[in-house]
Amino acid sequence: MELLTEDADLRCAHDMGRVGIIAGQGWVRVNTRRLLVERDPEGRPIAGCPNAGPTIKPCTATLPVEKGYSSFIRIDGRRVCLDTVTGLTDGTPPGTVKYDVRASGQHLVRQVSA
């Protein structure tokens, strides 16, 4: 599982909705790019979701991460984000539309499961 950097590509299930990422720490970097840590993907804006209509709300924000934080690697006490990060968006129908990682932003550093 690759660790996520600030260049990671996270998208809603409608494929075109891209999550705006901001790294919450500056201590640890991979190839000059900051690693993402716990809560960085949460509450972030989603731009470009095409899921719209009279009674349909497009995805505009991420909700809490459901899975994808490292149980082993931490930075300043916050778990590192892995390329398995996934959670729900605020799009309709509520509680069904997920966001996930399309690209980690780097291919050098991985967490290997035991």
N, C-alpha and C. Protein backbone atom coordinates (compact mmCIF):
# COMPACT_ATOMS: atom_id res chain seq x y z
N MET A 1 0.84 -1.17 0.00
CA MET A 1 0.00 0.00 0.00
C MET A 1 0.89 1.24 0.00
N GLU A 2 0.65 2.11 -0.96
CA GLU A 2 1.46 3.32 -1.07
C GLU A 2 0.95 4.40 -0.12
N LEU A 3 1.87 5.21 0.39
CA LEU A 3 1.52 6.34 1.23
C LEU A 3 1.09 7.49 0.33
N LEU A 4 0.11 8.28 0.76
CA LEU A 4 -0.41 9.39 -0.05
C LEU A 4 0.39 10.66 0.18
N THR A 5 0.64 11.40 -0.90
CA THR A 5 1.24 12.72 -0.79
C THR A 5 0.20 13.77 -1.17
N GLU A 6 0.59 15.02 -1.04
CA GLU A 6 -0.30 16.12 -1.40
C GLU A 6 -0.65 16.12 -2.89
N ASP A 7 0.02 15.32 -3.69
CA ASP A 7 -0.29 15.18 -5.12
C ASP A 7 -1.27 14.04 -5.40
N ALA A 8 -1.76 13.40 -4.36
CA ALA A 8 -2.69 12.27 -4.54
C ALA A 8 -3.94 12.73 -5.29
N ASP A 9 -4.51 11.82 -6.04
CA ASP A 9 -5.74 12.08 -6.79
C ASP A 9 -6.87 11.28 -6.14
N LEU A 10 -7.74 11.99 -5.43
CA LEU A 10 -8.92 11.39 -4.82
C LEU A 10 -10.13 11.92 -5.56
N ARG A 11 -11.09 11.03 -5.85
CA ARG A 11 -12.28 11.41 -6.62
C ARG A 11 -13.52 10.77 -6.05
N CYS A 12 -14.65 11.43 -6.31
CA CYS A 12 -15.93 10.84 -5.93
C CYS A 12 -16.25 9.71 -6.91
N ALA A 13 -17.24 8.91 -6.59
CA ALA A 13 -17.61 7.77 -7.41
C ALA A 13 -18.09 8.17 -8.80
N HIS A 14 -18.41 9.43 -9.00
CA HIS A 14 -18.87 9.90 -10.31
C HIS A 14 -17.69 10.24 -11.22
N ASP A 15 -16.48 9.92 -10.78
CA ASP A 15 -15.23 9.97 -11.52
C ASP A 15 -14.69 11.36 -11.82
N MET A 16 -15.52 12.33 -12.12
CA MET A 16 -15.00 13.64 -12.49
C MET A 16 -14.85 14.57 -11.28
N GLY A 17 -15.46 14.23 -10.16
CA GLY A 17 -15.38 15.06 -8.96
C GLY A 17 -14.06 14.87 -8.23
N ARG A 18 -13.19 15.87 -8.30
CA ARG A 18 -11.85 15.78 -7.72
C ARG A 18 -11.79 16.45 -6.35
N VAL A 19 -11.19 15.74 -5.39
CA VAL A 19 -11.07 16.23 -4.02
C VAL A 19 -9.88 17.19 -3.92
N GLY A 20 -10.11 18.34 -3.32
CA GLY A 20 -9.03 19.31 -3.08
C GLY A 20 -8.24 18.90 -1.85
N ILE A 21 -6.98 18.61 -2.03
CA ILE A 21 -6.14 18.08 -0.95
C ILE A 21 -5.20 19.16 -0.41
N ILE A 22 -5.09 19.20 0.93
CA ILE A 22 -4.09 20.04 1.60
C ILE A 22 -3.44 19.18 2.66
N ALA A 23 -2.11 19.11 2.64
CA ALA A 23 -1.38 18.31 3.63
C ALA A 23 -1.35 19.04 4.97
N GLY A 24 -1.62 18.30 6.04
CA GLY A 24 -1.69 18.88 7.37
C GLY A 24 -0.39 18.83 8.15
N GLN A 25 0.67 18.36 7.53
CA GLN A 25 1.96 18.33 8.20
C GLN A 25 3.06 18.64 7.18
N GLY A 26 4.18 19.12 7.65
CA GLY A 26 5.29 19.46 6.76
C GLY A 26 6.59 18.80 7.13
N TRP A 27 6.55 17.89 8.12
CA TRP A 27 7.76 17.25 8.60
C TRP A 27 8.30 16.20 7.63
N VAL A 28 7.42 15.36 7.12
CA VAL A 28 7.86 14.21 6.33
C VAL A 28 7.41 14.38 4.90
N ARG A 29 8.38 14.19 3.98
CA ARG A 29 8.11 14.36 2.56
C ARG A 29 8.66 13.19 1.77
N VAL A 30 8.07 12.95 0.62
CA VAL A 30 8.58 11.97 -0.33
C VAL A 30 8.81 12.73 -1.62
N ASN A 31 10.07 12.79 -2.03
CA ASN A 31 10.42 13.50 -3.26
C ASN A 31 9.91 14.95 -3.23
N THR A 32 10.12 15.61 -2.10
CA THR A 32 9.76 17.01 -1.80
C THR A 32 8.27 17.24 -1.57
N ARG A 33 7.43 16.22 -1.68
CA ARG A 33 5.98 16.38 -1.52
C ARG A 33 5.57 15.87 -0.15
N ARG A 34 4.76 16.65 0.57
CA ARG A 34 4.34 16.31 1.92
C ARG A 34 3.40 15.10 1.94
N LEU A 35 3.59 14.24 2.94
CA LEU A 35 2.69 13.10 3.12
C LEU A 35 1.40 13.56 3.76
N LEU A 36 0.30 12.89 3.42
CA LEU A 36 -0.99 13.17 4.03
C LEU A 36 -1.13 12.35 5.31
N VAL A 37 -1.76 12.96 6.30
CA VAL A 37 -1.98 12.29 7.57
C VAL A 37 -3.46 12.33 7.93
N GLU A 38 -3.77 11.65 9.02
CA GLU A 38 -5.14 11.53 9.51
C GLU A 38 -5.90 12.86 9.46
N ARG A 39 -7.08 12.81 8.91
CA ARG A 39 -8.06 13.89 8.74
C ARG A 39 -7.75 14.83 7.58
N ASP A 40 -6.60 14.69 6.89
CA ASP A 40 -6.35 15.53 5.71
C ASP A 40 -7.41 15.34 4.63
N PRO A 41 -7.89 14.10 4.36
CA PRO A 41 -8.91 13.93 3.30
C PRO A 41 -10.34 14.27 3.75
N GLU A 42 -10.54 14.58 5.01
CA GLU A 42 -11.89 14.77 5.54
C GLU A 42 -12.31 16.24 5.48
N GLY A 43 -13.57 16.46 5.10
CA GLY A 43 -14.09 17.82 5.04
C GLY A 43 -13.49 18.66 3.93
N ARG A 44 -13.00 18.01 2.90
CA ARG A 44 -12.35 18.69 1.78
C ARG A 44 -13.36 18.93 0.66
N PRO A 45 -13.16 20.01 -0.10
CA PRO A 45 -14.09 20.29 -1.20
C PRO A 45 -13.91 19.31 -2.37
N ILE A 46 -15.00 19.07 -3.07
CA ILE A 46 -14.97 18.26 -4.28
C ILE A 46 -15.44 19.16 -5.42
N ALA A 47 -14.62 19.27 -6.45
CA ALA A 47 -14.97 20.12 -7.60
C ALA A 47 -15.19 19.26 -8.84
N GLY A 48 -16.19 19.61 -9.62
CA GLY A 48 -16.42 18.96 -10.91
C GLY A 48 -17.31 17.75 -10.91
N CYS A 49 -18.00 17.46 -9.83
CA CYS A 49 -18.89 16.30 -9.82
C CYS A 49 -20.04 16.55 -10.80
N PRO A 50 -20.24 15.63 -11.76
CA PRO A 50 -21.28 15.82 -12.77
C PRO A 50 -22.67 15.35 -12.33
N ASN A 51 -22.78 14.79 -11.14
CA ASN A 51 -24.05 14.23 -10.67
C ASN A 51 -24.97 15.36 -10.22
N ALA A 52 -25.76 15.90 -11.13
CA ALA A 52 -26.63 17.03 -10.80
C ALA A 52 -27.97 16.88 -11.49
N GLY A 53 -28.97 17.44 -10.90
CA GLY A 53 -30.32 17.40 -11.46
C GLY A 53 -31.28 18.09 -10.52
N PRO A 54 -32.58 18.12 -10.87
CA PRO A 54 -33.57 18.83 -10.06
C PRO A 54 -33.62 18.37 -8.60
N THR A 55 -33.49 17.08 -8.35
CA THR A 55 -33.54 16.57 -6.98
C THR A 55 -32.25 15.87 -6.59
N ILE A 56 -31.19 16.11 -7.36
CA ILE A 56 -29.91 15.44 -7.13
C ILE A 56 -28.86 16.47 -6.74
N LYS A 57 -28.20 16.22 -5.60
CA LYS A 57 -27.13 17.09 -5.14
C LYS A 57 -25.79 16.49 -5.56
N PRO A 58 -24.96 17.26 -6.26
CA PRO A 58 -23.63 16.74 -6.61
C PRO A 58 -22.75 16.62 -5.37
N CYS A 59 -21.70 15.86 -5.48
CA CYS A 59 -20.74 15.73 -4.39
C CYS A 59 -19.95 17.04 -4.30
N THR A 60 -19.96 17.66 -3.14
CA THR A 60 -19.24 18.92 -2.95
C THR A 60 -18.25 18.87 -1.80
N ALA A 61 -18.30 17.81 -0.96
CA ALA A 61 -17.38 17.70 0.16
C ALA A 61 -17.22 16.24 0.58
N THR A 62 -16.06 15.95 1.15
CA THR A 62 -15.81 14.62 1.69
C THR A 62 -16.27 14.56 3.14
N LEU A 63 -16.70 13.40 3.56
CA LEU A 63 -17.08 13.13 4.94
C LEU A 63 -15.93 12.33 5.58
N PRO A 64 -16.02 11.93 6.83
CA PRO A 64 -14.91 11.22 7.47
C PRO A 64 -14.46 9.96 6.72
N VAL A 65 -13.17 9.70 6.80
CA VAL A 65 -12.57 8.50 6.21
C VAL A 65 -13.11 7.27 6.93
N GLU A 66 -13.52 6.27 6.14
CA GLU A 66 -14.02 5.02 6.71
C GLU A 66 -12.90 4.01 6.92
N LYS A 67 -11.94 4.00 6.00
CA LYS A 67 -10.77 3.13 6.13
C LYS A 67 -9.65 3.71 5.28
N GLY A 68 -8.42 3.28 5.59
CA GLY A 68 -7.28 3.70 4.79
C GLY A 68 -6.20 4.44 5.55
N TYR A 69 -6.35 4.55 6.88
CA TYR A 69 -5.27 5.12 7.69
C TYR A 69 -4.36 3.99 8.14
N SER A 70 -3.05 4.24 8.16
CA SER A 70 -2.09 3.24 8.60
C SER A 70 -2.28 2.95 10.09
N SER A 71 -2.22 1.70 10.45
CA SER A 71 -2.28 1.33 11.86
C SER A 71 -0.86 1.24 12.44
N PHE A 72 0.14 1.47 11.59
CA PHE A 72 1.53 1.30 11.99
C PHE A 72 2.34 2.60 11.92
N ILE A 73 2.14 3.39 10.88
CA ILE A 73 2.97 4.59 10.66
C ILE A 73 2.21 5.84 11.08
N ARG A 74 2.89 6.66 11.90
CA ARG A 74 2.30 7.92 12.37
C ARG A 74 3.33 9.04 12.23
N ILE A 75 2.81 10.25 12.02
CA ILE A 75 3.63 11.46 12.01
C ILE A 75 3.00 12.42 13.01
N ASP A 76 3.77 12.82 14.00
CA ASP A 76 3.24 13.69 15.06
C ASP A 76 1.98 13.11 15.70
N GLY A 77 1.93 11.79 15.82
CA GLY A 77 0.79 11.12 16.44
C GLY A 77 -0.40 10.90 15.53
N ARG A 78 -0.33 11.38 14.29
CA ARG A 78 -1.45 11.22 13.35
C ARG A 78 -1.12 10.11 12.36
N ARG A 79 -2.08 9.21 12.14
CA ARG A 79 -1.87 8.09 11.22
C ARG A 79 -1.68 8.60 9.79
N VAL A 80 -0.79 7.95 9.05
CA VAL A 80 -0.51 8.29 7.66
C VAL A 80 -1.62 7.73 6.77
N CYS A 81 -1.95 8.45 5.70
CA CYS A 81 -2.96 8.00 4.74
C CYS A 81 -2.35 7.03 3.74
N LEU A 82 -3.07 5.96 3.47
CA LEU A 82 -2.66 4.95 2.50
C LEU A 82 -3.53 5.05 1.25
N ASP A 83 -3.10 4.37 0.19
CA ASP A 83 -3.86 4.42 -1.06
C ASP A 83 -5.17 3.64 -0.99
N THR A 84 -5.52 3.15 0.19
CA THR A 84 -6.80 2.48 0.40
C THR A 84 -7.83 3.41 1.04
N VAL A 85 -7.51 4.70 1.18
CA VAL A 85 -8.44 5.65 1.79
C VAL A 85 -9.75 5.68 1.03
N THR A 86 -10.84 5.59 1.77
CA THR A 86 -12.17 5.71 1.20
C THR A 86 -13.12 6.24 2.26
N GLY A 87 -14.17 6.90 1.81
CA GLY A 87 -15.19 7.43 2.70
C GLY A 87 -16.37 7.89 1.88
N LEU A 88 -17.35 8.47 2.53
CA LEU A 88 -18.55 8.96 1.84
C LEU A 88 -18.41 10.43 1.49
N THR A 89 -19.21 10.86 0.52
CA THR A 89 -19.33 12.27 0.16
C THR A 89 -20.68 12.78 0.64
N ASP A 90 -20.91 14.07 0.45
CA ASP A 90 -22.20 14.65 0.81
C ASP A 90 -23.20 14.62 -0.34
N GLY A 91 -22.87 13.90 -1.42
CA GLY A 91 -23.75 13.83 -2.60
C GLY A 91 -24.95 12.93 -2.36
N THR A 92 -25.90 12.98 -3.31
CA THR A 92 -27.10 12.15 -3.19
C THR A 92 -26.96 10.90 -4.05
N PRO A 93 -27.63 9.82 -3.65
CA PRO A 93 -28.41 9.68 -2.44
C PRO A 93 -27.50 9.63 -1.21
N PRO A 94 -27.93 10.25 -0.10
CA PRO A 94 -27.10 10.33 1.10
C PRO A 94 -26.65 8.96 1.59
N GLY A 95 -25.41 8.90 2.04
CA GLY A 95 -24.88 7.67 2.61
C GLY A 95 -24.51 6.59 1.63
N THR A 96 -24.45 6.93 0.33
CA THR A 96 -24.13 5.88 -0.65
C THR A 96 -22.97 6.23 -1.57
N VAL A 97 -22.68 7.51 -1.78
CA VAL A 97 -21.65 7.91 -2.75
C VAL A 97 -20.30 8.01 -2.05
N LYS A 98 -19.35 7.25 -2.53
CA LYS A 98 -18.02 7.20 -1.91
C LYS A 98 -17.00 8.01 -2.69
N TYR A 99 -15.91 8.33 -2.01
CA TYR A 99 -14.71 8.86 -2.66
C TYR A 99 -13.59 7.87 -2.38
N ASP A 100 -12.60 7.82 -3.27
CA ASP A 100 -11.47 6.94 -3.08
C ASP A 100 -10.25 7.48 -3.81
N VAL A 101 -9.16 6.76 -3.70
CA VAL A 101 -7.88 7.17 -4.28
C VAL A 101 -7.74 6.60 -5.67
N ARG A 102 -7.41 7.46 -6.62
CA ARG A 102 -7.11 7.02 -7.99
C ARG A 102 -5.61 6.93 -8.21
N ALA A 103 -4.82 7.81 -7.54
CA ALA A 103 -3.36 7.78 -7.63
C ALA A 103 -2.80 8.31 -6.32
N SER A 104 -1.74 7.69 -5.83
CA SER A 104 -1.17 8.04 -4.53
C SER A 104 -0.34 9.32 -4.52
N GLY A 105 0.14 9.73 -5.68
CA GLY A 105 1.00 10.91 -5.76
C GLY A 105 2.48 10.57 -5.70
N GLN A 106 2.80 9.30 -5.46
CA GLN A 106 4.20 8.85 -5.44
C GLN A 106 4.22 7.33 -5.55
N HIS A 107 5.37 6.78 -5.95
CA HIS A 107 5.52 5.33 -6.08
C HIS A 107 6.79 4.82 -5.41
N LEU A 108 7.33 5.61 -4.46
CA LEU A 108 8.60 5.25 -3.84
C LEU A 108 8.43 4.58 -2.47
N VAL A 109 7.44 5.02 -1.69
CA VAL A 109 7.31 4.56 -0.31
C VAL A 109 6.01 3.80 -0.13
N ARG A 110 6.15 2.60 0.47
CA ARG A 110 4.98 1.74 0.68
C ARG A 110 4.98 1.24 2.11
N GLN A 111 3.80 0.91 2.60
CA GLN A 111 3.67 0.16 3.84
C GLN A 111 3.39 -1.27 3.45
N VAL A 112 4.17 -2.17 3.96
CA VAL A 112 3.96 -3.58 3.66
C VAL A 112 3.21 -4.21 4.82
N SER A 113 2.11 -4.88 4.52
CA SER A 113 1.32 -5.56 5.55
C SER A 113 2.07 -6.76 6.06
N ALA A 114 1.94 -7.01 7.33
CA ALA A 114 2.61 -8.17 7.93
C ALA A 114 1.82 -9.42 7.72
